[in-house]
Amino acid sequence: MNLLSSNDLSATQIEKIFGLADSLKDRSKKPLSKSSPILALLFEKSSTRTRISFESAMLQLGGHSLYIDAKTSQMSRGESLADTARVLSSYVDIISARMYKDSDLRELAGYSSVPVINALTDLEHPCQALSDVYTIRKVFGKVKGLKIAFVGDIAANTANSLMITATKMGAQISLVGPRGYHANFEYILQASKYETVVTSDDIQDGLSGCDVVYTDTFISMGQESEAEKRRKLFAKYQVNAEAMKFAKKGAKVMHCLPAHRGEEITSDVLDGKNSIAWEQAKNKMVVEKAIILYLLNAGR
């Protein structure tokens, strides 16, 4: 079994992963110490949180991890993804891949003989979404019936994965972004099968009644050439104290980090009493522990 997309997991499977995460918070438990499996981290894109959380997760489970920078691998000299997958999966027990193109991730998984985890592509970030929804459930005690607003770049990979995972667990989604800038219709269509998804170019309307306000960078990796254009496009969708007045009183603030303070979010909100961004970041590792364990056990 692979985890390439948020669509790969049912609500029941998500619940199982969350249950595993709850049971794995005790660092003394090392369920993989006897078999000592190896996780390969094959990264085309740079990372802080995703890399360190996966490495720490595998170590705490009792396994090992190997970091492979695609720029210094034979991939940079033209080795095909198929050949890389065949060889790499003969050496390790599970692969976490962070790639520019979702199609490349799927090609890698197609030739791998071991489970492959999507650690981010241009289309999705399913591990992040699982960590986000897990955090929401821990904070609110539930997910069903909540309303989550994603503000800013509503076509981003984080938005795609969040809307699928959150609606599967019973939350409504409000996508708030500029007029004429469209979220991924395929993901809206899929998420709408589970719960309500609405879009708005009006931040007051989009945040109204929301329990959670979520934002992400306006300029993702690979979009640097569009930086000034995107800053202007998304400027009025900054999550700040004024914007938060439109959401429910006491609404929680989330950001998957790294944050560009003063762009998509202000420091007073990110560091404020209603921010759960740091708990969100902390939960990445325990949820990734659960994902690894779930996928390794699914093949047995």
Protein backbone atom coordinates (compact mmCIF):
# COMPACT_ATOMS: atom_id res chain seq x y z
CA MET A 1 0.00 0.00 0.00
CA ASN A 2 1.18 3.53 -0.84
CA LEU A 3 0.11 6.96 0.42
CA LEU A 4 0.35 9.11 -2.70
CA SER A 5 -2.84 11.11 -2.28
CA SER A 6 -5.36 12.05 0.39
CA ASN A 7 -7.81 10.12 -1.79
CA ASP A 8 -5.93 6.90 -0.96
CA LEU A 9 -7.36 6.75 2.56
CA SER A 10 -10.94 6.17 3.69
CA ALA A 11 -12.33 7.82 6.83
CA THR A 12 -11.93 4.46 8.59
CA GLN A 13 -8.26 4.26 7.62
CA ILE A 14 -7.69 7.85 8.76
CA GLU A 15 -9.22 6.94 12.12
CA LYS A 16 -6.84 3.98 12.39
CA ILE A 17 -3.85 6.24 11.68
CA PHE A 18 -5.06 8.74 14.29
CA GLY A 19 -5.50 5.92 16.80
CA LEU A 20 -1.96 4.75 16.11
CA ALA A 21 -0.70 8.32 16.53
CA ASP A 22 -2.33 8.53 19.94
CA SER A 23 -0.65 5.29 20.98
CA LEU A 24 2.79 6.34 19.71
CA LYS A 25 3.24 9.50 21.77
CA ASP A 26 5.15 7.44 24.33
CA ARG A 27 8.71 7.54 22.96
CA SER A 28 9.67 4.43 24.93
CA LYS A 29 7.53 2.37 22.55
CA LYS A 30 9.63 1.20 19.61
CA PRO A 31 7.40 -1.20 17.67
CA LEU A 32 9.89 -1.60 14.82
CA SER A 33 13.00 -2.22 16.91
CA LYS A 34 13.09 -5.98 16.20
CA SER A 35 12.86 -5.69 12.43
CA SER A 36 14.75 -2.35 12.29
CA PRO A 37 13.42 -1.31 8.85
CA ILE A 38 15.00 1.42 6.73
CA LEU A 39 13.21 4.50 5.41
CA ALA A 40 14.65 6.26 2.36
CA LEU A 41 13.94 9.97 2.13
CA LEU A 42 14.24 10.84 -1.57
CA PHE A 43 13.92 14.62 -1.78
CA GLU A 44 14.01 16.86 -4.85
CA LYS A 45 12.74 19.82 -2.79
CA SER A 46 14.45 21.21 0.28
CA SER A 47 12.79 20.73 3.65
CA THR A 48 13.18 21.36 7.36
CA ARG A 49 10.08 20.05 9.14
CA THR A 50 9.21 17.20 6.79
CA ARG A 51 12.74 15.83 6.63
CA ILE A 52 13.49 16.08 10.36
CA SER A 53 10.08 14.84 11.44
CA PHE A 54 10.34 11.75 9.20
CA GLU A 55 13.90 11.01 10.33
CA SER A 56 12.93 11.42 13.99
CA ALA A 57 9.77 9.38 13.48
CA MET A 58 11.65 6.42 12.06
CA LEU A 59 14.29 6.60 14.77
CA GLN A 60 11.67 6.69 17.51
CA LEU A 61 9.88 3.70 15.96
CA GLY A 62 13.12 1.71 16.18
CA GLY A 63 14.11 1.91 12.52
CA HIS A 64 16.63 3.86 10.49
CA SER A 65 16.44 6.51 7.78
CA LEU A 66 18.64 7.51 4.85
CA TYR A 67 18.42 10.96 3.30
CA ILE A 68 18.96 11.15 -0.46
CA ASP A 69 19.24 14.56 -2.09
CA ALA A 70 18.11 14.03 -5.68
CA LYS A 71 20.56 16.74 -6.81
CA THR A 72 23.52 14.65 -5.67
CA SER A 73 22.11 11.29 -6.73
CA GLN A 74 22.40 9.59 -10.12
CA MET A 75 19.00 11.05 -10.94
CA SER A 76 20.80 14.35 -11.55
CA ARG A 77 22.88 12.60 -14.22
CA GLY A 78 19.90 11.16 -16.02
CA GLU A 79 19.07 7.88 -14.29
CA SER A 80 15.38 7.19 -14.85
CA LEU A 81 12.84 7.19 -12.04
CA ALA A 82 11.98 3.61 -12.91
CA ASP A 83 15.58 2.44 -12.47
CA THR A 84 15.99 4.49 -9.31
CA ALA A 85 12.81 2.98 -7.84
CA ARG A 86 13.78 -0.59 -8.70
CA VAL A 87 17.19 -0.30 -7.07
CA LEU A 88 16.24 1.86 -4.11
CA SER A 89 13.33 -0.38 -3.14
CA SER A 90 15.65 -3.38 -3.14
CA TYR A 91 17.73 -1.71 -0.42
CA VAL A 92 15.09 -0.19 1.87
CA ASP A 93 11.71 -1.06 3.36
CA ILE A 94 9.76 2.16 2.70
CA ILE A 95 10.29 5.38 0.74
CA SER A 96 9.21 8.93 1.50
CA ALA A 97 9.52 11.08 -1.63
CA ARG A 98 9.32 14.87 -1.91
CA MET A 99 9.11 15.76 -5.57
CA TYR A 100 8.25 18.64 -7.86
CA LYS A 101 5.84 16.72 -10.08
CA ASP A 102 3.07 14.48 -8.82
CA SER A 103 3.38 12.42 -12.01
CA ASP A 104 7.02 11.68 -11.12
CA LEU A 105 6.00 10.47 -7.68
CA ARG A 106 3.47 8.11 -9.25
CA GLU A 107 6.05 6.79 -11.69
CA LEU A 108 8.45 6.15 -8.81
CA ALA A 109 5.73 4.32 -6.87
CA GLY A 110 4.78 2.29 -9.93
CA TYR A 111 8.25 0.73 -10.07
CA SER A 112 8.85 0.47 -6.32
CA SER A 113 8.49 -2.87 -4.55
CA VAL A 114 8.02 -1.16 -1.16
CA PRO A 115 5.46 1.41 0.09
CA VAL A 116 5.91 4.98 -1.09
CA ILE A 117 4.76 8.04 0.88
CA ASN A 118 4.06 11.40 -0.70
CA ALA A 119 6.10 13.89 1.33
CA LEU A 120 4.89 16.73 -0.97
CA THR A 121 4.41 17.28 -4.69
CA ASP A 122 3.03 20.15 -6.74
CA LEU A 123 -0.45 18.64 -6.37
CA GLU A 124 -0.73 17.28 -2.83
CA HIS A 125 0.70 17.11 0.68
CA PRO A 126 -1.29 14.28 2.30
CA CYS A 127 0.93 13.81 5.37
CA GLN A 128 0.54 17.50 6.19
CA ALA A 129 -3.24 17.24 5.86
CA LEU A 130 -3.35 14.25 8.19
CA SER A 131 -1.28 16.15 10.75
CA ASP A 132 -3.56 19.18 10.37
CA VAL A 133 -6.81 17.29 10.85
CA TYR A 134 -5.29 15.27 13.72
CA THR A 135 -4.37 18.57 15.41
CA ILE A 136 -7.87 19.96 14.88
CA ARG A 137 -9.37 16.87 16.48
CA LYS A 138 -7.03 17.07 19.47
CA VAL A 139 -7.84 20.75 20.03
CA PHE A 140 -11.62 20.64 19.46
CA GLY A 141 -12.28 17.04 20.47
CA LYS A 142 -13.94 16.49 17.09
CA VAL A 143 -13.73 17.32 13.41
CA LYS A 144 -17.30 16.66 12.30
CA GLY A 145 -19.41 19.80 12.19
CA LEU A 146 -16.50 22.26 12.21
CA LYS A 147 -15.94 24.86 9.50
CA ILE A 148 -12.38 25.37 8.25
CA ALA A 149 -11.35 28.33 6.10
CA PHE A 150 -8.28 28.05 3.87
CA VAL A 151 -7.17 31.57 2.97
CA GLY A 152 -4.86 32.75 0.19
CA ASP A 153 -3.44 30.36 -2.39
CA ILE A 154 -6.47 28.08 -2.57
CA ALA A 155 -4.94 26.15 -5.50
CA ALA A 156 -1.95 25.04 -3.39
CA ASN A 157 -1.09 21.41 -2.68
CA THR A 158 -1.87 21.92 1.02
CA ALA A 159 -5.35 23.19 0.18
CA ASN A 160 -6.03 20.20 -2.09
CA SER A 161 -5.07 17.63 0.53
CA LEU A 162 -6.69 19.47 3.43
CA MET A 163 -10.08 19.75 1.74
CA ILE A 164 -10.15 16.01 0.98
CA THR A 165 -9.01 14.85 4.43
CA ALA A 166 -11.11 17.32 6.42
CA THR A 167 -14.35 16.72 4.51
CA LYS A 168 -13.91 12.95 4.82
CA MET A 169 -13.86 13.48 8.57
CA GLY A 170 -16.99 15.65 8.48
CA ALA A 171 -15.73 19.24 8.36
CA GLN A 172 -16.95 21.93 5.99
CA ILE A 173 -14.39 23.85 3.94
CA SER A 174 -14.37 27.51 2.90
CA LEU A 175 -11.78 28.39 0.25
CA VAL A 176 -11.02 32.11 0.32
CA GLY A 177 -8.97 33.64 -2.48
CA PRO A 178 -8.88 36.27 -5.24
CA ARG A 179 -11.57 36.57 -7.88
CA GLY A 180 -10.55 34.78 -11.06
CA TYR A 181 -8.05 32.61 -9.20
CA HIS A 182 -9.48 29.13 -9.10
CA ALA A 183 -9.01 26.23 -6.71
CA ASN A 184 -8.51 22.79 -8.24
CA PHE A 185 -11.97 21.82 -9.48
CA GLU A 186 -11.24 18.08 -9.35
CA TYR A 187 -10.47 18.32 -5.64
CA ILE A 188 -13.51 20.47 -4.92
CA LEU A 189 -15.66 17.93 -6.75
CA GLN A 190 -14.16 15.04 -4.78
CA ALA A 191 -14.35 16.79 -1.40
CA SER A 192 -17.95 17.85 -2.03
CA LYS A 193 -18.94 14.18 -2.04
CA TYR A 194 -18.22 14.13 1.69
CA GLU A 195 -19.14 17.62 2.96
CA THR A 196 -19.83 21.18 1.87
CA VAL A 197 -17.07 23.09 0.08
CA VAL A 198 -17.63 26.76 -0.74
CA THR A 199 -15.40 29.34 -2.40
CA SER A 200 -15.36 33.10 -1.92
CA ASP A 201 -13.25 36.07 -2.98
CA ASP A 202 -14.55 38.08 -0.01
CA ILE A 203 -12.55 37.47 3.15
CA GLN A 204 -15.37 38.59 5.47
CA ASP A 205 -17.85 36.26 3.80
CA GLY A 206 -15.34 33.39 3.58
CA LEU A 207 -14.33 33.53 7.24
CA SER A 208 -17.83 33.98 8.62
CA GLY A 209 -18.71 31.22 11.08
CA CYS A 210 -15.31 29.52 10.77
CA ASP A 211 -13.82 27.60 13.68
CA VAL A 212 -10.37 27.36 12.06
CA VAL A 213 -8.54 29.82 9.82
CA TYR A 214 -5.69 28.20 7.89
CA THR A 215 -3.14 29.88 5.65
CA ASP A 216 0.08 28.96 3.87
CA THR A 217 2.81 30.77 1.98
CA PHE A 218 1.75 32.82 -1.02
CA ILE A 219 4.92 31.77 -2.86
CA SER A 220 5.63 28.05 -2.91
CA MET A 221 8.94 26.48 -3.94
CA GLY A 222 9.33 26.76 -7.69
CA GLN A 223 7.20 29.93 -7.87
CA GLU A 224 9.94 32.41 -6.97
CA SER A 225 9.83 34.04 -10.42
CA GLU A 226 6.20 35.00 -9.72
CA ALA A 227 6.93 36.39 -6.25
CA GLU A 228 5.96 40.04 -6.78
CA LYS A 229 2.92 39.16 -8.86
CA ARG A 230 1.68 36.72 -6.22
CA ARG A 231 2.31 39.14 -3.33
CA LYS A 232 0.07 41.70 -5.03
CA LEU A 233 -2.54 39.09 -5.98
CA PHE A 234 -2.93 37.74 -2.44
CA ALA A 235 -2.15 40.87 -0.40
CA LYS A 236 -5.70 41.46 0.87
CA TYR A 237 -5.95 37.84 2.02
CA GLN A 238 -3.39 38.24 4.77
CA VAL A 239 -4.47 36.58 8.01
CA ASN A 240 -4.22 39.41 10.52
CA ALA A 241 -6.11 40.65 13.56
CA GLU A 242 -8.70 42.46 11.42
CA ALA A 243 -9.37 39.38 9.29
CA MET A 244 -9.74 37.18 12.38
CA LYS A 245 -12.66 39.37 13.54
CA PHE A 246 -14.71 37.88 10.70
CA ALA A 247 -14.31 34.31 12.02
CA LYS A 248 -15.95 32.88 15.13
CA LYS A 249 -14.81 34.40 18.39
CA GLY A 250 -11.81 32.38 19.58
CA ALA A 251 -11.30 30.73 16.17
CA LYS A 252 -8.02 28.87 15.94
CA VAL A 253 -5.25 29.80 13.51
CA MET A 254 -3.19 27.25 11.59
CA HIS A 255 -0.15 27.51 9.31
CA CYS A 256 1.84 24.55 7.99
CA LEU A 257 5.08 26.61 8.10
CA PRO A 258 7.51 28.02 7.21
CA ALA A 259 5.69 31.31 7.68
CA HIS A 260 6.57 34.50 5.87
CA ARG A 261 5.63 36.93 8.60
CA GLY A 262 4.10 40.10 7.26
CA GLU A 263 2.98 38.42 4.04
CA GLU A 264 0.34 35.69 4.45
CA ILE A 265 0.15 36.12 8.23
CA THR A 266 1.18 38.65 10.85
CA SER A 267 3.36 37.81 13.83
CA ASP A 268 0.75 38.87 16.39
CA VAL A 269 -1.69 36.29 14.99
CA LEU A 270 0.84 33.52 14.42
CA ASP A 271 2.22 33.94 17.96
CA GLY A 272 -1.15 34.77 19.50
CA LYS A 273 -3.22 32.81 22.00
CA ASN A 274 -5.46 31.32 19.32
CA SER A 275 -2.63 30.02 17.16
CA ILE A 276 -2.21 26.25 17.13
CA ALA A 277 0.51 26.32 14.46
CA TRP A 278 3.19 25.11 16.86
CA GLU A 279 1.07 22.19 18.07
CA GLN A 280 0.35 21.48 14.40
CA ALA A 281 4.10 21.35 13.66
CA LYS A 282 4.77 19.14 16.69
CA ASN A 283 2.11 16.66 15.61
CA LYS A 284 3.75 16.08 12.21
CA MET A 285 6.20 13.62 13.69
CA VAL A 286 3.74 11.51 15.65
CA VAL A 287 1.35 11.31 12.69
CA GLU A 288 4.22 10.33 10.39
CA LYS A 289 5.15 7.61 12.88
CA ALA A 290 1.62 6.31 12.55
CA ILE A 291 1.69 6.51 8.75
CA ILE A 292 4.95 4.57 8.53
CA LEU A 293 3.74 1.89 10.92
CA TYR A 294 0.37 1.63 9.18
CA LEU A 295 1.88 1.23 5.72
CA LEU A 296 4.50 -1.29 6.81
CA ASN A 297 1.90 -3.39 8.59
CA ALA A 298 -0.53 -3.14 5.66
CA GLY A 299 1.87 -5.19 3.58
CA ARG A 300 2.06 -8.03 6.09
